[in-house]
Structures are given as C-alpha cells and as structure tokens.
Amino acid sequence: MSTTQPEEVNWDEFEEDQDLNMDTLFEVCTYKRMLMQDIDDQKEKLKRLNEEHRHITEDVIPGMLLDKGLSEIKLKTGEKVTIKKVYTGHIKAEDWLNAEQYLKDSGNDSIIKSECKVDFGKGRKMMEASVLLMQHLREQNLPYKAKSFVHPMTLKSFIKENMESGTENFPMGLFGANIINQAVVK
C-alpha cells in the first residue's frame, strides 16, 4: 500500500486555531491510518529481507563453496568471500539446571555469572535500607552496581500532576517535560 497525503492539507501552513473542517479531519485521519499500515508493511518487509539475507549468508553461499571443497574464493570484482565459523548458543530456561550441573562437573563453573539485584521500591525507608545494604557490600569488598532513578511512568504521572494542578515555577526543563497533543484514531 502506498500513502497519498491529502492534497488540501499543507502541514507547514496548517494552523491550530483555524476552523475545524470535518472533511479535512477525516482525510487526515484516513492518511494517518494509511501511514500506520505502511509502517506495518515496511516492518514485515524488513523482517523478510533480514531472513533472506540470513539464508543467503548462512546457507546458500556456504553451501555453494563447501560443495566444491572451498572455504574462500575471490570474485572478479576483487572481493574475497570467506566461510567463517561462528558459534552461538542459548540455554533454555528448562535446561538451565542440567547445564549448570554440567559446567560444575566439567570444571567450567567459572563461566557462570552471578548477579544480584534488589528492588527496594520507593520511599525514604527503602532508600535507607538500600544505603545500609550498599554499606555492607562495601565492607565485604563486594562489587555492586547501584543507581537511583525515577521510573518513566512515575515521572510522567508526576509531571502530569504538577502541570494539571498549576504548580507555580514547575521546572519543565529540569524534567525534560513536554506537553504533546496526540491524536488516536481507532
């Protein structure tokens, strides 16, 4: 599907305070739906192209060369095609205990990484608990990563609350606050 922008609307000259024209609004909403369909189509096309690229890279070209006993060849363009071994792996969740035991039994348990993450939640008490834990970890010479942040949804609610309540001198720039008017067409 190809999108055709409504001819009546010049996006650069469209002014928010102009009279609402229902026909123009309908065209713009239709155009918006067409854009979303084009985006979905392009995502699907990209997915197919990536799969085709993977197939040619991992199956077709190696098959052509290896069938002739070659692992490298130079093209007439001067480009060199080489077959390289790439090793990948993924341990399924249901196989983890067996894989872990194998690594231990075979003396390879040093590749097992341990990570500890504690979600303290919000509030002063939780902040104090996190400080105590970090102090204990430092005393034990255990490395840790710590960060303080405001969850994006919490920040969004905070900004909305302050903007809608009319908080004086709310530092919008400090919080990267923006007000966006967004259309949803279903």
N, C-alpha and C. Protein backbone atom coordinates (compact mmCIF):
# COMPACT_ATOMS: atom_id res chain seq x y z
N MET A 1 0.84 -1.18 0.00
CA MET A 1 0.00 0.00 0.00
C MET A 1 0.89 1.24 0.00
N SER A 2 0.53 2.22 -0.76
CA SER A 2 1.29 3.45 -0.81
C SER A 2 0.44 4.58 -0.26
N THR A 3 1.06 5.42 0.55
CA THR A 3 0.30 6.52 1.16
C THR A 3 0.26 7.71 0.23
N THR A 4 -0.88 8.34 0.18
CA THR A 4 -1.04 9.57 -0.57
C THR A 4 -1.50 10.63 0.40
N GLN A 5 -0.70 11.64 0.58
CA GLN A 5 -1.02 12.71 1.51
C GLN A 5 -2.19 13.52 0.96
N PRO A 6 -3.16 13.84 1.82
CA PRO A 6 -4.28 14.66 1.37
C PRO A 6 -3.76 15.97 0.76
N GLU A 7 -4.24 16.29 -0.44
CA GLU A 7 -3.74 17.46 -1.15
C GLU A 7 -4.17 18.77 -0.49
N GLU A 8 -5.32 18.76 0.18
CA GLU A 8 -5.83 20.01 0.75
C GLU A 8 -5.03 20.49 1.95
N VAL A 9 -4.24 19.61 2.56
CA VAL A 9 -3.55 19.98 3.79
C VAL A 9 -2.07 20.20 3.52
N ASN A 10 -1.60 21.41 3.79
CA ASN A 10 -0.18 21.70 3.74
C ASN A 10 0.27 21.72 5.20
N TRP A 11 1.00 20.70 5.62
CA TRP A 11 1.35 20.53 7.03
C TRP A 11 2.12 21.73 7.58
N ASP A 12 2.93 22.38 6.73
CA ASP A 12 3.72 23.52 7.20
C ASP A 12 2.86 24.75 7.46
N GLU A 13 1.74 24.86 6.76
CA GLU A 13 0.90 26.03 6.89
C GLU A 13 -0.34 25.79 7.75
N PHE A 14 -0.53 24.56 8.18
CA PHE A 14 -1.72 24.24 8.98
C PHE A 14 -1.62 24.94 10.33
N GLU A 15 -2.64 25.68 10.69
CA GLU A 15 -2.63 26.41 11.94
C GLU A 15 -3.64 25.80 12.89
N GLU A 16 -3.23 25.69 14.14
CA GLU A 16 -4.08 25.05 15.14
C GLU A 16 -5.38 25.81 15.38
N ASP A 17 -5.37 27.12 15.20
CA ASP A 17 -6.56 27.89 15.53
C ASP A 17 -7.52 28.05 14.36
N GLN A 18 -7.24 27.43 13.21
CA GLN A 18 -8.15 27.56 12.09
C GLN A 18 -9.41 26.74 12.37
N ASP A 19 -10.48 27.08 11.67
CA ASP A 19 -11.76 26.40 11.87
C ASP A 19 -11.60 24.92 11.56
N LEU A 20 -12.29 24.10 12.36
CA LEU A 20 -12.24 22.65 12.17
C LEU A 20 -13.08 22.28 10.96
N ASN A 21 -12.45 21.70 9.99
CA ASN A 21 -13.13 21.24 8.79
C ASN A 21 -13.22 19.72 8.90
N MET A 22 -14.44 19.20 9.03
CA MET A 22 -14.64 17.76 9.26
C MET A 22 -14.14 16.93 8.09
N ASP A 23 -14.29 17.43 6.87
CA ASP A 23 -13.79 16.69 5.71
C ASP A 23 -12.27 16.58 5.76
N THR A 24 -11.61 17.68 6.09
CA THR A 24 -10.15 17.68 6.20
C THR A 24 -9.70 16.77 7.34
N LEU A 25 -10.39 16.85 8.47
CA LEU A 25 -10.06 15.99 9.60
C LEU A 25 -10.20 14.52 9.20
N PHE A 26 -11.26 14.18 8.50
CA PHE A 26 -11.46 12.80 8.04
C PHE A 26 -10.31 12.36 7.14
N GLU A 27 -9.92 13.25 6.20
CA GLU A 27 -8.81 12.91 5.29
C GLU A 27 -7.51 12.70 6.06
N VAL A 28 -7.24 13.57 7.03
CA VAL A 28 -6.01 13.46 7.81
C VAL A 28 -6.02 12.16 8.62
N CYS A 29 -7.15 11.82 9.21
CA CYS A 29 -7.25 10.57 9.99
C CYS A 29 -7.10 9.36 9.07
N THR A 30 -7.66 9.44 7.88
CA THR A 30 -7.51 8.35 6.91
C THR A 30 -6.04 8.22 6.51
N TYR A 31 -5.40 9.35 6.29
CA TYR A 31 -3.98 9.36 5.94
C TYR A 31 -3.15 8.75 7.08
N LYS A 32 -3.50 9.09 8.32
CA LYS A 32 -2.81 8.54 9.48
C LYS A 32 -2.93 7.01 9.50
N ARG A 33 -4.12 6.50 9.24
CA ARG A 33 -4.30 5.03 9.20
C ARG A 33 -3.47 4.42 8.08
N MET A 34 -3.41 5.10 6.92
CA MET A 34 -2.61 4.59 5.80
C MET A 34 -1.13 4.57 6.17
N LEU A 35 -0.68 5.61 6.87
CA LEU A 35 0.72 5.64 7.30
C LEU A 35 1.03 4.48 8.23
N MET A 36 0.13 4.22 9.18
CA MET A 36 0.35 3.10 10.11
C MET A 36 0.40 1.77 9.35
N GLN A 37 -0.46 1.62 8.35
CA GLN A 37 -0.43 0.39 7.54
C GLN A 37 0.89 0.28 6.78
N ASP A 38 1.35 1.41 6.21
CA ASP A 38 2.64 1.41 5.50
C ASP A 38 3.78 1.05 6.45
N ILE A 39 3.74 1.58 7.67
CA ILE A 39 4.77 1.27 8.66
C ILE A 39 4.76 -0.22 8.96
N ASP A 40 3.58 -0.78 9.19
CA ASP A 40 3.47 -2.23 9.45
C ASP A 40 3.98 -3.04 8.26
N ASP A 41 3.62 -2.61 7.04
CA ASP A 41 4.08 -3.32 5.84
C ASP A 41 5.60 -3.26 5.72
N GLN A 42 6.19 -2.10 6.01
CA GLN A 42 7.64 -1.96 5.92
C GLN A 42 8.36 -2.81 6.97
N LYS A 43 7.77 -2.90 8.17
CA LYS A 43 8.36 -3.76 9.21
C LYS A 43 8.36 -5.21 8.75
N GLU A 44 7.25 -5.64 8.15
CA GLU A 44 7.16 -7.01 7.65
C GLU A 44 8.15 -7.24 6.51
N LYS A 45 8.28 -6.25 5.63
CA LYS A 45 9.23 -6.37 4.52
C LYS A 45 10.66 -6.47 5.06
N LEU A 46 11.00 -5.64 6.06
CA LEU A 46 12.33 -5.68 6.65
C LEU A 46 12.60 -7.04 7.29
N LYS A 47 11.59 -7.59 7.94
CA LYS A 47 11.72 -8.91 8.55
C LYS A 47 12.03 -9.97 7.48
N ARG A 48 11.30 -9.91 6.36
CA ARG A 48 11.53 -10.86 5.26
C ARG A 48 12.93 -10.67 4.67
N LEU A 49 13.35 -9.41 4.48
CA LEU A 49 14.69 -9.15 3.93
C LEU A 49 15.78 -9.66 4.85
N ASN A 50 15.63 -9.45 6.15
CA ASN A 50 16.61 -9.96 7.11
C ASN A 50 16.68 -11.48 7.06
N GLU A 51 15.54 -12.14 6.95
CA GLU A 51 15.52 -13.60 6.88
C GLU A 51 16.17 -14.08 5.58
N GLU A 52 15.88 -13.41 4.47
CA GLU A 52 16.50 -13.78 3.20
C GLU A 52 18.01 -13.57 3.25
N HIS A 53 18.46 -12.45 3.85
CA HIS A 53 19.88 -12.18 3.99
C HIS A 53 20.55 -13.26 4.83
N ARG A 54 19.91 -13.63 5.96
CA ARG A 54 20.45 -14.69 6.81
C ARG A 54 20.56 -16.00 6.02
N HIS A 55 19.53 -16.34 5.25
CA HIS A 55 19.53 -17.59 4.48
C HIS A 55 20.67 -17.61 3.46
N ILE A 56 20.84 -16.50 2.74
CA ILE A 56 21.91 -16.43 1.74
C ILE A 56 23.28 -16.48 2.42
N THR A 57 23.43 -15.75 3.54
CA THR A 57 24.70 -15.68 4.25
C THR A 57 25.07 -16.99 4.93
N GLU A 58 24.08 -17.67 5.50
CA GLU A 58 24.38 -18.86 6.30
C GLU A 58 24.14 -20.18 5.57
N ASP A 59 23.35 -20.16 4.50
CA ASP A 59 23.02 -21.42 3.82
C ASP A 59 23.50 -21.45 2.37
N VAL A 60 23.06 -20.49 1.56
CA VAL A 60 23.30 -20.55 0.12
C VAL A 60 24.79 -20.43 -0.22
N ILE A 61 25.42 -19.33 0.16
CA ILE A 61 26.83 -19.11 -0.21
C ILE A 61 27.74 -20.17 0.41
N PRO A 62 27.63 -20.47 1.72
CA PRO A 62 28.49 -21.54 2.27
C PRO A 62 28.25 -22.87 1.56
N GLY A 63 27.00 -23.17 1.23
CA GLY A 63 26.72 -24.42 0.51
C GLY A 63 27.39 -24.47 -0.84
N MET A 64 27.33 -23.36 -1.57
CA MET A 64 27.95 -23.30 -2.90
C MET A 64 29.46 -23.54 -2.82
N LEU A 65 30.11 -22.90 -1.85
CA LEU A 65 31.57 -23.05 -1.74
C LEU A 65 31.97 -24.39 -1.15
N LEU A 66 31.33 -24.77 -0.07
CA LEU A 66 31.72 -26.01 0.60
C LEU A 66 31.45 -27.23 -0.26
N ASP A 67 30.41 -27.18 -1.11
CA ASP A 67 30.14 -28.28 -2.04
C ASP A 67 31.30 -28.50 -3.00
N LYS A 68 32.05 -27.44 -3.27
CA LYS A 68 33.22 -27.52 -4.17
C LYS A 68 34.52 -27.67 -3.39
N GLY A 69 34.40 -27.85 -2.06
CA GLY A 69 35.58 -28.04 -1.23
C GLY A 69 36.33 -26.74 -0.96
N LEU A 70 35.68 -25.63 -1.14
CA LEU A 70 36.33 -24.33 -0.95
C LEU A 70 35.84 -23.67 0.34
N SER A 71 36.74 -22.92 0.98
CA SER A 71 36.33 -22.13 2.14
C SER A 71 36.60 -20.65 1.87
N GLU A 72 37.16 -20.37 0.69
CA GLU A 72 37.49 -18.99 0.34
C GLU A 72 37.58 -18.89 -1.17
N ILE A 73 37.13 -17.76 -1.70
CA ILE A 73 37.22 -17.53 -3.15
C ILE A 73 37.27 -16.03 -3.39
N LYS A 74 37.92 -15.62 -4.48
CA LYS A 74 37.98 -14.21 -4.84
C LYS A 74 37.07 -13.99 -6.04
N LEU A 75 36.22 -12.98 -5.96
CA LEU A 75 35.31 -12.66 -7.05
C LEU A 75 36.00 -11.79 -8.09
N LYS A 76 35.42 -11.69 -9.28
CA LYS A 76 36.02 -10.88 -10.34
C LYS A 76 36.04 -9.40 -9.97
N THR A 77 35.27 -9.02 -8.99
CA THR A 77 35.27 -7.62 -8.52
C THR A 77 36.44 -7.36 -7.57
N GLY A 78 37.14 -8.41 -7.20
CA GLY A 78 38.24 -8.27 -6.26
C GLY A 78 37.83 -8.58 -4.82
N GLU A 79 36.55 -8.74 -4.61
CA GLU A 79 36.06 -9.06 -3.27
C GLU A 79 36.41 -10.51 -2.93
N LYS A 80 36.70 -10.74 -1.67
CA LYS A 80 37.03 -12.08 -1.22
C LYS A 80 35.87 -12.61 -0.38
N VAL A 81 35.43 -13.82 -0.71
CA VAL A 81 34.37 -14.48 0.04
C VAL A 81 35.02 -15.57 0.87
N THR A 82 34.83 -15.50 2.17
CA THR A 82 35.42 -16.47 3.09
C THR A 82 34.32 -17.09 3.93
N ILE A 83 34.43 -18.38 4.15
CA ILE A 83 33.49 -19.06 5.04
C ILE A 83 34.12 -19.08 6.42
N LYS A 84 33.45 -18.46 7.36
CA LYS A 84 33.95 -18.34 8.71
C LYS A 84 33.00 -19.10 9.65
N LYS A 85 33.55 -19.79 10.59
CA LYS A 85 32.72 -20.48 11.58
C LYS A 85 32.34 -19.48 12.67
N VAL A 86 31.07 -19.45 12.97
CA VAL A 86 30.55 -18.60 14.03
C VAL A 86 29.81 -19.51 14.99
N TYR A 87 30.12 -19.41 16.26
CA TYR A 87 29.49 -20.26 17.25
C TYR A 87 28.51 -19.44 18.08
N THR A 88 27.32 -19.96 18.21
CA THR A 88 26.30 -19.29 19.02
C THR A 88 25.70 -20.29 19.98
N GLY A 89 25.01 -19.82 20.97
CA GLY A 89 24.37 -20.72 21.92
C GLY A 89 23.32 -20.00 22.73
N HIS A 90 22.44 -20.77 23.28
CA HIS A 90 21.40 -20.25 24.15
C HIS A 90 20.92 -21.40 25.04
N ILE A 91 20.94 -21.20 26.33
CA ILE A 91 20.46 -22.23 27.25
C ILE A 91 19.01 -21.93 27.56
N LYS A 92 18.16 -22.86 27.23
CA LYS A 92 16.73 -22.70 27.52
C LYS A 92 16.53 -22.75 29.03
N ALA A 93 15.53 -22.03 29.49
CA ALA A 93 15.25 -21.97 30.93
C ALA A 93 15.06 -23.36 31.52
N GLU A 94 14.35 -24.21 30.79
CA GLU A 94 14.09 -25.56 31.31
C GLU A 94 15.34 -26.44 31.35
N ASP A 95 16.39 -26.03 30.65
CA ASP A 95 17.64 -26.80 30.63
C ASP A 95 18.70 -26.22 31.56
N TRP A 96 18.41 -25.09 32.22
CA TRP A 96 19.42 -24.40 32.99
C TRP A 96 20.04 -25.27 34.08
N LEU A 97 19.25 -25.96 34.88
CA LEU A 97 19.82 -26.75 35.99
C LEU A 97 20.77 -27.83 35.48
N ASN A 98 20.39 -28.49 34.40
CA ASN A 98 21.27 -29.51 33.83
C ASN A 98 22.54 -28.89 33.25
N ALA A 99 22.40 -27.76 32.58
CA ALA A 99 23.57 -27.09 32.02
C ALA A 99 24.50 -26.62 33.13
N GLU A 100 23.93 -26.06 34.18
CA GLU A 100 24.73 -25.60 35.31
C GLU A 100 25.48 -26.76 35.94
N GLN A 101 24.81 -27.89 36.12
CA GLN A 101 25.45 -29.06 36.70
C GLN A 101 26.58 -29.57 35.81
N TYR A 102 26.35 -29.56 34.51
CA TYR A 102 27.38 -29.98 33.58
C TYR A 102 28.61 -29.09 33.71
N LEU A 103 28.39 -27.78 33.75
CA LEU A 103 29.51 -26.85 33.87
C LEU A 103 30.29 -27.09 35.16
N LYS A 104 29.58 -27.35 36.24
CA LYS A 104 30.25 -27.63 37.52
C LYS A 104 31.03 -28.93 37.43
N ASP A 105 30.38 -29.97 36.94
CA ASP A 105 31.02 -31.29 36.85
C ASP A 105 32.24 -31.29 35.94
N SER A 106 32.20 -30.45 34.90
CA SER A 106 33.31 -30.44 33.95
C SER A 106 34.37 -29.39 34.29
N GLY A 107 34.22 -28.75 35.45
CA GLY A 107 35.21 -27.77 35.88
C GLY A 107 35.12 -26.45 35.16
N ASN A 108 33.97 -26.18 34.54
CA ASN A 108 33.79 -24.93 33.81
C ASN A 108 32.82 -23.97 34.50
N ASP A 109 32.62 -24.17 35.78
CA ASP A 109 31.67 -23.31 36.50
C ASP A 109 32.15 -21.87 36.65
N SER A 110 33.39 -21.61 36.27
CA SER A 110 33.89 -20.24 36.36
C SER A 110 33.22 -19.33 35.33
N ILE A 111 32.55 -19.89 34.34
CA ILE A 111 31.87 -19.05 33.36
C ILE A 111 30.45 -18.67 33.80
N ILE A 112 30.00 -19.23 34.92
CA ILE A 112 28.67 -18.90 35.44
C ILE A 112 28.75 -17.55 36.14
N LYS A 113 27.93 -16.63 35.72
CA LYS A 113 27.93 -15.28 36.28
C LYS A 113 26.79 -15.16 37.29
N SER A 114 27.09 -14.61 38.43
CA SER A 114 26.07 -14.37 39.45
C SER A 114 25.76 -12.90 39.50
N GLU A 115 24.51 -12.59 39.55
CA GLU A 115 24.08 -11.20 39.61
C GLU A 115 22.98 -11.10 40.66
N CYS A 116 23.08 -10.10 41.45
CA CYS A 116 22.08 -9.89 42.49
C CYS A 116 21.49 -8.51 42.31
N LYS A 117 20.20 -8.46 42.17
CA LYS A 117 19.53 -7.18 42.02
C LYS A 117 18.39 -7.15 43.03
N VAL A 118 18.32 -6.07 43.75
CA VAL A 118 17.28 -5.93 44.75
C VAL A 118 16.46 -4.70 44.41
N ASP A 119 15.16 -4.87 44.31
CA ASP A 119 14.26 -3.75 44.05
C ASP A 119 13.73 -3.28 45.39
N PHE A 120 14.20 -2.12 45.83
CA PHE A 120 13.80 -1.59 47.13
C PHE A 120 12.48 -0.83 47.07
N GLY A 121 12.02 -0.51 45.89
CA GLY A 121 10.78 0.26 45.80
C GLY A 121 11.03 1.73 46.09
N LYS A 122 9.94 2.43 46.41
CA LYS A 122 10.01 3.87 46.64
C LYS A 122 9.97 4.20 48.12
N GLY A 123 10.36 5.40 48.44
CA GLY A 123 10.19 5.90 49.80
C GLY A 123 11.49 5.99 50.57
N ARG A 124 11.41 6.81 51.62
CA ARG A 124 12.57 7.07 52.46
C ARG A 124 13.08 5.80 53.15
N LYS A 125 12.18 4.95 53.69
CA LYS A 125 12.61 3.72 54.37
C LYS A 125 13.36 2.80 53.42
N MET A 126 12.86 2.70 52.21
CA MET A 126 13.51 1.83 51.23
C MET A 126 14.88 2.40 50.84
N MET A 127 14.97 3.71 50.75
CA MET A 127 16.24 4.37 50.44
C MET A 127 17.25 4.08 51.55
N GLU A 128 16.83 4.17 52.79
CA GLU A 128 17.71 3.89 53.92
C GLU A 128 18.17 2.43 53.91
N ALA A 129 17.25 1.50 53.58
CA ALA A 129 17.61 0.08 53.51
C ALA A 129 18.65 -0.15 52.42
N SER A 130 18.49 0.54 51.28
CA SER A 130 19.46 0.36 50.19
C SER A 130 20.83 0.90 50.59
N VAL A 131 20.87 2.00 51.31
CA VAL A 131 22.14 2.57 51.77
C VAL A 131 22.83 1.59 52.72
N LEU A 132 22.08 0.98 53.62
CA LEU A 132 22.65 0.01 54.56
C LEU A 132 23.22 -1.21 53.82
N LEU A 133 22.48 -1.71 52.84
CA LEU A 133 22.96 -2.86 52.08
C LEU A 133 24.23 -2.51 51.31
N MET A 134 24.26 -1.35 50.67
CA MET A 134 25.45 -0.95 49.92
C MET A 134 26.65 -0.77 50.85
N GLN A 135 26.41 -0.24 52.05
CA GLN A 135 27.48 -0.09 53.03
C GLN A 135 28.02 -1.47 53.41
N HIS A 136 27.15 -2.44 53.63
CA HIS A 136 27.57 -3.80 53.97
C HIS A 136 28.37 -4.43 52.82
N LEU A 137 27.92 -4.23 51.61
CA LEU A 137 28.64 -4.78 50.46
C LEU A 137 30.03 -4.18 50.35
N ARG A 138 30.15 -2.87 50.59
CA ARG A 138 31.47 -2.22 50.56
C ARG A 138 32.39 -2.81 51.62
N GLU A 139 31.84 -3.03 52.84
CA GLU A 139 32.64 -3.59 53.94
C GLU A 139 33.15 -4.98 53.60
N GLN A 140 32.37 -5.73 52.81
CA GLN A 140 32.78 -7.08 52.41
C GLN A 140 33.60 -7.09 51.12
N ASN A 141 33.93 -5.89 50.62
CA ASN A 141 34.68 -5.75 49.36
C ASN A 141 33.99 -6.46 48.20
N LEU A 142 32.67 -6.40 48.18
CA LEU A 142 31.90 -6.99 47.09
C LEU A 142 31.49 -5.89 46.12
N PRO A 143 31.84 -6.07 44.85
CA PRO A 143 31.46 -5.04 43.88
C PRO A 143 29.93 -5.06 43.66
N TYR A 144 29.39 -3.91 43.44
CA TYR A 144 27.96 -3.82 43.18
C TYR A 144 27.70 -2.62 42.30
N LYS A 145 26.58 -2.66 41.66
CA LYS A 145 26.16 -1.52 40.86
C LYS A 145 24.91 -0.97 41.51
N ALA A 146 24.89 0.31 41.64
CA ALA A 146 23.73 0.96 42.24
C ALA A 146 23.38 2.18 41.41
N LYS A 147 22.11 2.40 41.29
CA LYS A 147 21.68 3.62 40.62
C LYS A 147 20.35 4.05 41.19
N SER A 148 20.17 5.33 41.22
CA SER A 148 18.90 5.90 41.66
C SER A 148 18.24 6.50 40.43
N PHE A 149 16.97 6.28 40.30
CA PHE A 149 16.25 6.82 39.16
C PHE A 149 14.77 6.90 39.48
N VAL A 150 14.06 7.61 38.64
CA VAL A 150 12.60 7.67 38.73
C VAL A 150 12.08 6.90 37.54
N HIS A 151 11.22 5.93 37.80
CA HIS A 151 10.66 5.13 36.72
C HIS A 151 9.94 6.06 35.73
N PRO A 152 10.08 5.82 34.43
CA PRO A 152 9.48 6.70 33.43
C PRO A 152 7.98 6.94 33.62
N MET A 153 7.23 5.93 33.99
CA MET A 153 5.78 6.12 34.18
C MET A 153 5.50 6.96 35.43
N THR A 154 6.32 6.80 36.46
CA THR A 154 6.17 7.61 37.66
C THR A 154 6.48 9.07 37.34
N LEU A 155 7.53 9.31 36.56
CA LEU A 155 7.89 10.66 36.16
C LEU A 155 6.77 11.29 35.33
N LYS A 156 6.22 10.53 34.42
CA LYS A 156 5.12 11.01 33.59
C LYS A 156 3.94 11.44 34.46
N SER A 157 3.58 10.61 35.43
CA SER A 157 2.48 10.95 36.34
C SER A 157 2.80 12.19 37.17
N PHE A 158 4.04 12.29 37.64
CA PHE A 158 4.49 13.43 38.42
C PHE A 158 4.36 14.73 37.62
N ILE A 159 4.83 14.68 36.38
CA ILE A 159 4.76 15.87 35.52
C ILE A 159 3.30 16.22 35.25
N LYS A 160 2.49 15.24 34.91
CA LYS A 160 1.07 15.48 34.64
C LYS A 160 0.40 16.12 35.85
N GLU A 161 0.64 15.55 37.02
CA GLU A 161 0.03 16.06 38.24
C GLU A 161 0.42 17.52 38.48
N ASN A 162 1.69 17.83 38.33
CA ASN A 162 2.16 19.20 38.55
C ASN A 162 1.67 20.17 37.49
N MET A 163 1.59 19.73 36.26
CA MET A 163 1.13 20.61 35.19
C MET A 163 -0.37 20.87 35.32
N GLU A 164 -1.15 19.82 35.61
CA GLU A 164 -2.59 19.98 35.71
C GLU A 164 -3.01 20.73 36.97
N SER A 165 -2.22 20.63 38.02
CA SER A 165 -2.57 21.35 39.25
C SER A 165 -2.08 22.79 39.23
N GLY A 166 -1.31 23.13 38.19
CA GLY A 166 -0.84 24.51 38.05
C GLY A 166 0.28 24.87 39.01
N THR A 167 1.12 23.92 39.36
CA THR A 167 2.25 24.19 40.25
C THR A 167 3.07 25.37 39.72
N GLU A 168 3.23 26.37 40.57
CA GLU A 168 3.99 27.56 40.15
C GLU A 168 5.47 27.22 40.00
N ASN A 169 6.08 27.79 38.99
CA ASN A 169 7.52 27.64 38.73
C ASN A 169 7.95 26.18 38.60
N PHE A 170 7.09 25.34 38.05
CA PHE A 170 7.48 23.95 37.83
C PHE A 170 8.60 23.92 36.81
N PRO A 171 9.74 23.32 37.16
CA PRO A 171 10.90 23.33 36.26
C PRO A 171 10.78 22.31 35.13
N MET A 172 10.02 22.65 34.11
CA MET A 172 9.78 21.73 32.99
C MET A 172 11.09 21.27 32.36
N GLY A 173 12.02 22.18 32.14
CA GLY A 173 13.28 21.84 31.51
C GLY A 173 14.09 20.85 32.33
N LEU A 174 14.05 21.00 33.63
CA LEU A 174 14.78 20.11 34.52
C LEU A 174 14.33 18.66 34.36
N PHE A 175 13.03 18.50 34.14
CA PHE A 175 12.47 17.16 34.00
C PHE A 175 12.25 16.76 32.54
N GLY A 176 12.71 17.58 31.61
CA GLY A 176 12.51 17.28 30.20
C GLY A 176 11.03 17.18 29.86
N ALA A 177 10.23 17.98 30.55
CA ALA A 177 8.77 17.89 30.42
C ALA A 177 8.29 18.52 29.12
N ASN A 178 7.39 17.84 28.47
CA ASN A 178 6.75 18.34 27.26
C ASN A 178 5.27 18.01 27.35
N ILE A 179 4.48 18.82 26.71
CA ILE A 179 3.05 18.54 26.58
C ILE A 179 2.81 18.30 25.10
N ILE A 180 2.33 17.14 24.77
CA ILE A 180 2.12 16.78 23.38
C ILE A 180 0.65 16.47 23.19
N ASN A 181 0.08 17.06 22.15
CA ASN A 181 -1.30 16.74 21.78
C ASN A 181 -1.24 15.64 20.73
N GLN A 182 -1.76 14.48 21.11
CA GLN A 182 -1.62 13.31 20.25
C GLN A 182 -2.99 12.80 19.86
N ALA A 183 -3.20 12.55 18.59
CA ALA A 183 -4.47 12.02 18.10
C ALA A 183 -4.43 10.49 18.10
N VAL A 184 -5.51 9.90 18.53
CA VAL A 184 -5.64 8.45 18.49
C VAL A 184 -6.86 8.16 17.63
N VAL A 185 -6.70 7.42 16.59
CA VAL A 185 -7.79 7.07 15.70
C VAL A 185 -7.94 5.55 15.74
N LYS A 186 -9.11 5.10 16.07
CA LYS A 186 -9.33 3.65 16.14
C LYS A 186 -10.31 3.23 15.08
